Amino acid sequence: MITTLKPLIKAKLDTITTLAFVYDYHEEAPDGYPVASFEVARISNDAYDSCNNRVIYEFDIIVQQEV
């Protein structure tokens, strides 16, 4: 599922025309600013009831601007 979600998130962030770069990992030395990066922050696999076994993926999205 992560391999499905990461391209979707990147595609959404790529539509923000004011971002110079978008990375699907946290880049410490980006090629330019403003930049957005994201990574999985947490994966939770909880059984909410006996019929469903849901996995929750949480992502951290960081937007940086040079000042």
N, C-alpha and C. Protein backbone atom coordinates (compact mmCIF):
# COMPACT_ATOMS: atom_id res chain seq x y z
N MET A 1 0.82 -1.20 0.00
CA MET A 1 0.00 0.00 0.00
C MET A 1 0.86 1.26 0.00
N ILE A 2 2.00 1.23 0.69
CA ILE A 2 2.88 2.41 0.69
C ILE A 2 3.29 2.75 -0.74
N THR A 3 3.60 1.73 -1.53
CA THR A 3 4.04 1.99 -2.90
C THR A 3 2.91 2.59 -3.74
N THR A 4 1.67 2.42 -3.33
CA THR A 4 0.54 3.04 -4.01
C THR A 4 0.31 4.46 -3.53
N LEU A 5 0.47 4.69 -2.24
CA LEU A 5 0.18 6.00 -1.66
C LEU A 5 1.24 7.06 -1.98
N LYS A 6 2.52 6.68 -1.94
CA LYS A 6 3.58 7.67 -2.15
C LYS A 6 3.47 8.39 -3.50
N PRO A 7 3.24 7.69 -4.62
CA PRO A 7 3.09 8.42 -5.88
C PRO A 7 1.85 9.32 -5.91
N LEU A 8 0.78 8.91 -5.23
CA LEU A 8 -0.42 9.74 -5.18
C LEU A 8 -0.18 11.03 -4.40
N ILE A 9 0.51 10.92 -3.28
CA ILE A 9 0.82 12.11 -2.48
C ILE A 9 1.75 13.02 -3.25
N LYS A 10 2.78 12.44 -3.88
CA LYS A 10 3.71 13.25 -4.66
C LYS A 10 2.99 13.95 -5.81
N ALA A 11 2.10 13.25 -6.47
CA ALA A 11 1.35 13.86 -7.58
C ALA A 11 0.51 15.04 -7.09
N LYS A 12 -0.11 14.90 -5.92
CA LYS A 12 -0.90 16.02 -5.37
C LYS A 12 0.00 17.21 -5.05
N LEU A 13 1.16 16.94 -4.43
CA LEU A 13 2.07 18.02 -4.09
C LEU A 13 2.66 18.67 -5.34
N ASP A 14 2.88 17.87 -6.38
CA ASP A 14 3.41 18.41 -7.64
C ASP A 14 2.45 19.41 -8.29
N THR A 15 1.17 19.35 -7.94
CA THR A 15 0.21 20.30 -8.53
C THR A 15 0.31 21.68 -7.90
N ILE A 16 1.04 21.80 -6.80
CA ILE A 16 1.23 23.11 -6.16
C ILE A 16 2.32 23.83 -6.94
N THR A 17 1.94 24.78 -7.73
CA THR A 17 2.88 25.40 -8.67
C THR A 17 3.92 26.28 -7.99
N THR A 18 3.70 26.67 -6.76
CA THR A 18 4.68 27.52 -6.07
C THR A 18 5.83 26.71 -5.47
N LEU A 19 5.73 25.39 -5.47
CA LEU A 19 6.83 24.56 -4.98
C LEU A 19 7.83 24.32 -6.11
N ALA A 20 9.10 24.56 -5.81
CA ALA A 20 10.14 24.32 -6.81
C ALA A 20 10.46 22.83 -6.94
N PHE A 21 10.43 22.11 -5.81
CA PHE A 21 10.77 20.70 -5.79
C PHE A 21 9.86 19.96 -4.82
N VAL A 22 9.61 18.69 -5.11
CA VAL A 22 8.87 17.80 -4.21
C VAL A 22 9.65 16.49 -4.14
N TYR A 23 9.94 16.06 -2.93
CA TYR A 23 10.67 14.81 -2.69
C TYR A 23 9.79 13.85 -1.91
N ASP A 24 9.87 12.56 -2.23
CA ASP A 24 9.13 11.56 -1.47
C ASP A 24 9.99 10.98 -0.34
N TYR A 25 10.94 11.77 0.10
CA TYR A 25 11.79 11.49 1.26
C TYR A 25 12.25 12.85 1.78
N HIS A 26 12.70 12.89 3.03
CA HIS A 26 13.15 14.17 3.59
C HIS A 26 14.57 14.46 3.11
N GLU A 27 14.68 15.49 2.31
CA GLU A 27 15.95 15.89 1.71
C GLU A 27 16.58 17.00 2.54
N GLU A 28 17.80 16.76 3.01
CA GLU A 28 18.49 17.75 3.85
C GLU A 28 19.11 18.88 3.03
N ALA A 29 19.45 18.60 1.79
CA ALA A 29 20.07 19.63 0.93
C ALA A 29 19.29 19.69 -0.38
N PRO A 30 18.11 20.31 -0.37
CA PRO A 30 17.29 20.36 -1.59
C PRO A 30 17.96 21.18 -2.69
N ASP A 31 17.51 20.91 -3.91
CA ASP A 31 18.06 21.61 -5.08
C ASP A 31 17.57 23.04 -5.19
N GLY A 32 16.56 23.42 -4.43
CA GLY A 32 16.03 24.77 -4.47
C GLY A 32 14.88 24.93 -3.49
N TYR A 33 14.36 26.13 -3.40
CA TYR A 33 13.27 26.45 -2.48
C TYR A 33 12.18 27.19 -3.23
N PRO A 34 10.96 27.14 -2.78
CA PRO A 34 10.41 26.33 -1.70
C PRO A 34 10.35 24.85 -2.09
N VAL A 35 10.40 24.00 -1.09
CA VAL A 35 10.45 22.57 -1.32
C VAL A 35 9.52 21.87 -0.33
N ALA A 36 8.93 20.78 -0.78
CA ALA A 36 8.12 19.93 0.10
C ALA A 36 8.71 18.53 0.08
N SER A 37 8.71 17.89 1.22
CA SER A 37 9.16 16.50 1.30
C SER A 37 8.22 15.75 2.24
N PHE A 38 8.14 14.45 2.04
CA PHE A 38 7.26 13.66 2.90
C PHE A 38 7.81 12.25 3.07
N GLU A 39 7.48 11.67 4.20
CA GLU A 39 7.84 10.28 4.53
C GLU A 39 6.77 9.71 5.43
N VAL A 40 6.75 8.39 5.49
CA VAL A 40 5.83 7.72 6.41
C VAL A 40 6.28 8.02 7.83
N ALA A 41 5.36 8.48 8.66
CA ALA A 41 5.66 8.78 10.05
C ALA A 41 5.30 7.61 10.95
N ARG A 42 4.21 6.92 10.60
CA ARG A 42 3.74 5.86 11.48
C ARG A 42 2.81 4.94 10.69
N ILE A 43 2.90 3.65 10.98
CA ILE A 43 1.97 2.67 10.42
C ILE A 43 1.31 1.97 11.59
N SER A 44 0.00 1.99 11.60
CA SER A 44 -0.76 1.37 12.69
C SER A 44 -1.65 0.30 12.09
N ASN A 45 -1.59 -0.88 12.65
CA ASN A 45 -2.40 -1.99 12.18
C ASN A 45 -3.32 -2.40 13.32
N ASP A 46 -4.51 -1.82 13.32
CA ASP A 46 -5.45 -2.05 14.40
C ASP A 46 -6.66 -2.83 13.90
N ALA A 47 -7.12 -3.75 14.69
CA ALA A 47 -8.35 -4.47 14.39
C ALA A 47 -9.49 -3.74 15.10
N TYR A 48 -10.29 -3.01 14.35
CA TYR A 48 -11.37 -2.23 14.93
C TYR A 48 -12.59 -3.09 15.26
N ASP A 49 -12.77 -4.13 14.48
CA ASP A 49 -13.83 -5.10 14.78
C ASP A 49 -13.42 -6.42 14.15
N SER A 50 -14.26 -7.42 14.26
CA SER A 50 -13.87 -8.75 13.78
C SER A 50 -13.94 -8.89 12.25
N CYS A 51 -14.55 -7.92 11.57
CA CYS A 51 -14.68 -7.99 10.11
C CYS A 51 -13.61 -7.21 9.37
N ASN A 52 -13.03 -6.24 10.02
CA ASN A 52 -12.09 -5.35 9.33
C ASN A 52 -10.73 -5.37 10.01
N ASN A 53 -9.72 -5.41 9.21
CA ASN A 53 -8.35 -5.26 9.68
C ASN A 53 -7.76 -4.09 8.91
N ARG A 54 -7.83 -2.90 9.47
CA ARG A 54 -7.43 -1.69 8.78
C ARG A 54 -6.00 -1.31 9.14
N VAL A 55 -5.31 -0.82 8.15
CA VAL A 55 -3.97 -0.30 8.36
C VAL A 55 -4.03 1.21 8.15
N ILE A 56 -3.50 1.96 9.11
CA ILE A 56 -3.49 3.42 9.03
C ILE A 56 -2.06 3.87 8.77
N TYR A 57 -1.88 4.64 7.71
CA TYR A 57 -0.58 5.19 7.37
C TYR A 57 -0.61 6.68 7.66
N GLU A 58 0.35 7.17 8.43
CA GLU A 58 0.47 8.60 8.70
C GLU A 58 1.75 9.10 8.05
N PHE A 59 1.63 10.23 7.36
CA PHE A 59 2.77 10.81 6.67
C PHE A 59 3.09 12.18 7.27
N ASP A 60 4.37 12.49 7.37
CA ASP A 60 4.82 13.83 7.71
C ASP A 60 5.15 14.55 6.41
N ILE A 61 4.52 15.70 6.21
CA ILE A 61 4.82 16.53 5.04
C ILE A 61 5.48 17.80 5.56
N ILE A 62 6.68 18.07 5.07
CA ILE A 62 7.45 19.24 5.51
C ILE A 62 7.62 20.18 4.32
N VAL A 63 7.28 21.44 4.54
CA VAL A 63 7.46 22.47 3.51
C VAL A 63 8.53 23.43 4.02
N GLN A 64 9.55 23.68 3.20
CA GLN A 64 10.66 24.55 3.60
C GLN A 64 10.75 25.72 2.62
N GLN A 65 11.07 26.87 3.20
CA GLN A 65 11.30 28.07 2.41
C GLN A 65 12.60 28.72 2.90
N GLU A 66 13.43 29.12 1.99
CA GLU A 66 14.66 29.81 2.35
C GLU A 66 14.33 31.25 2.74
N VAL A 67 14.95 31.71 3.82
CA VAL A 67 14.69 33.10 4.27
C VAL A 67 15.95 33.93 4.14
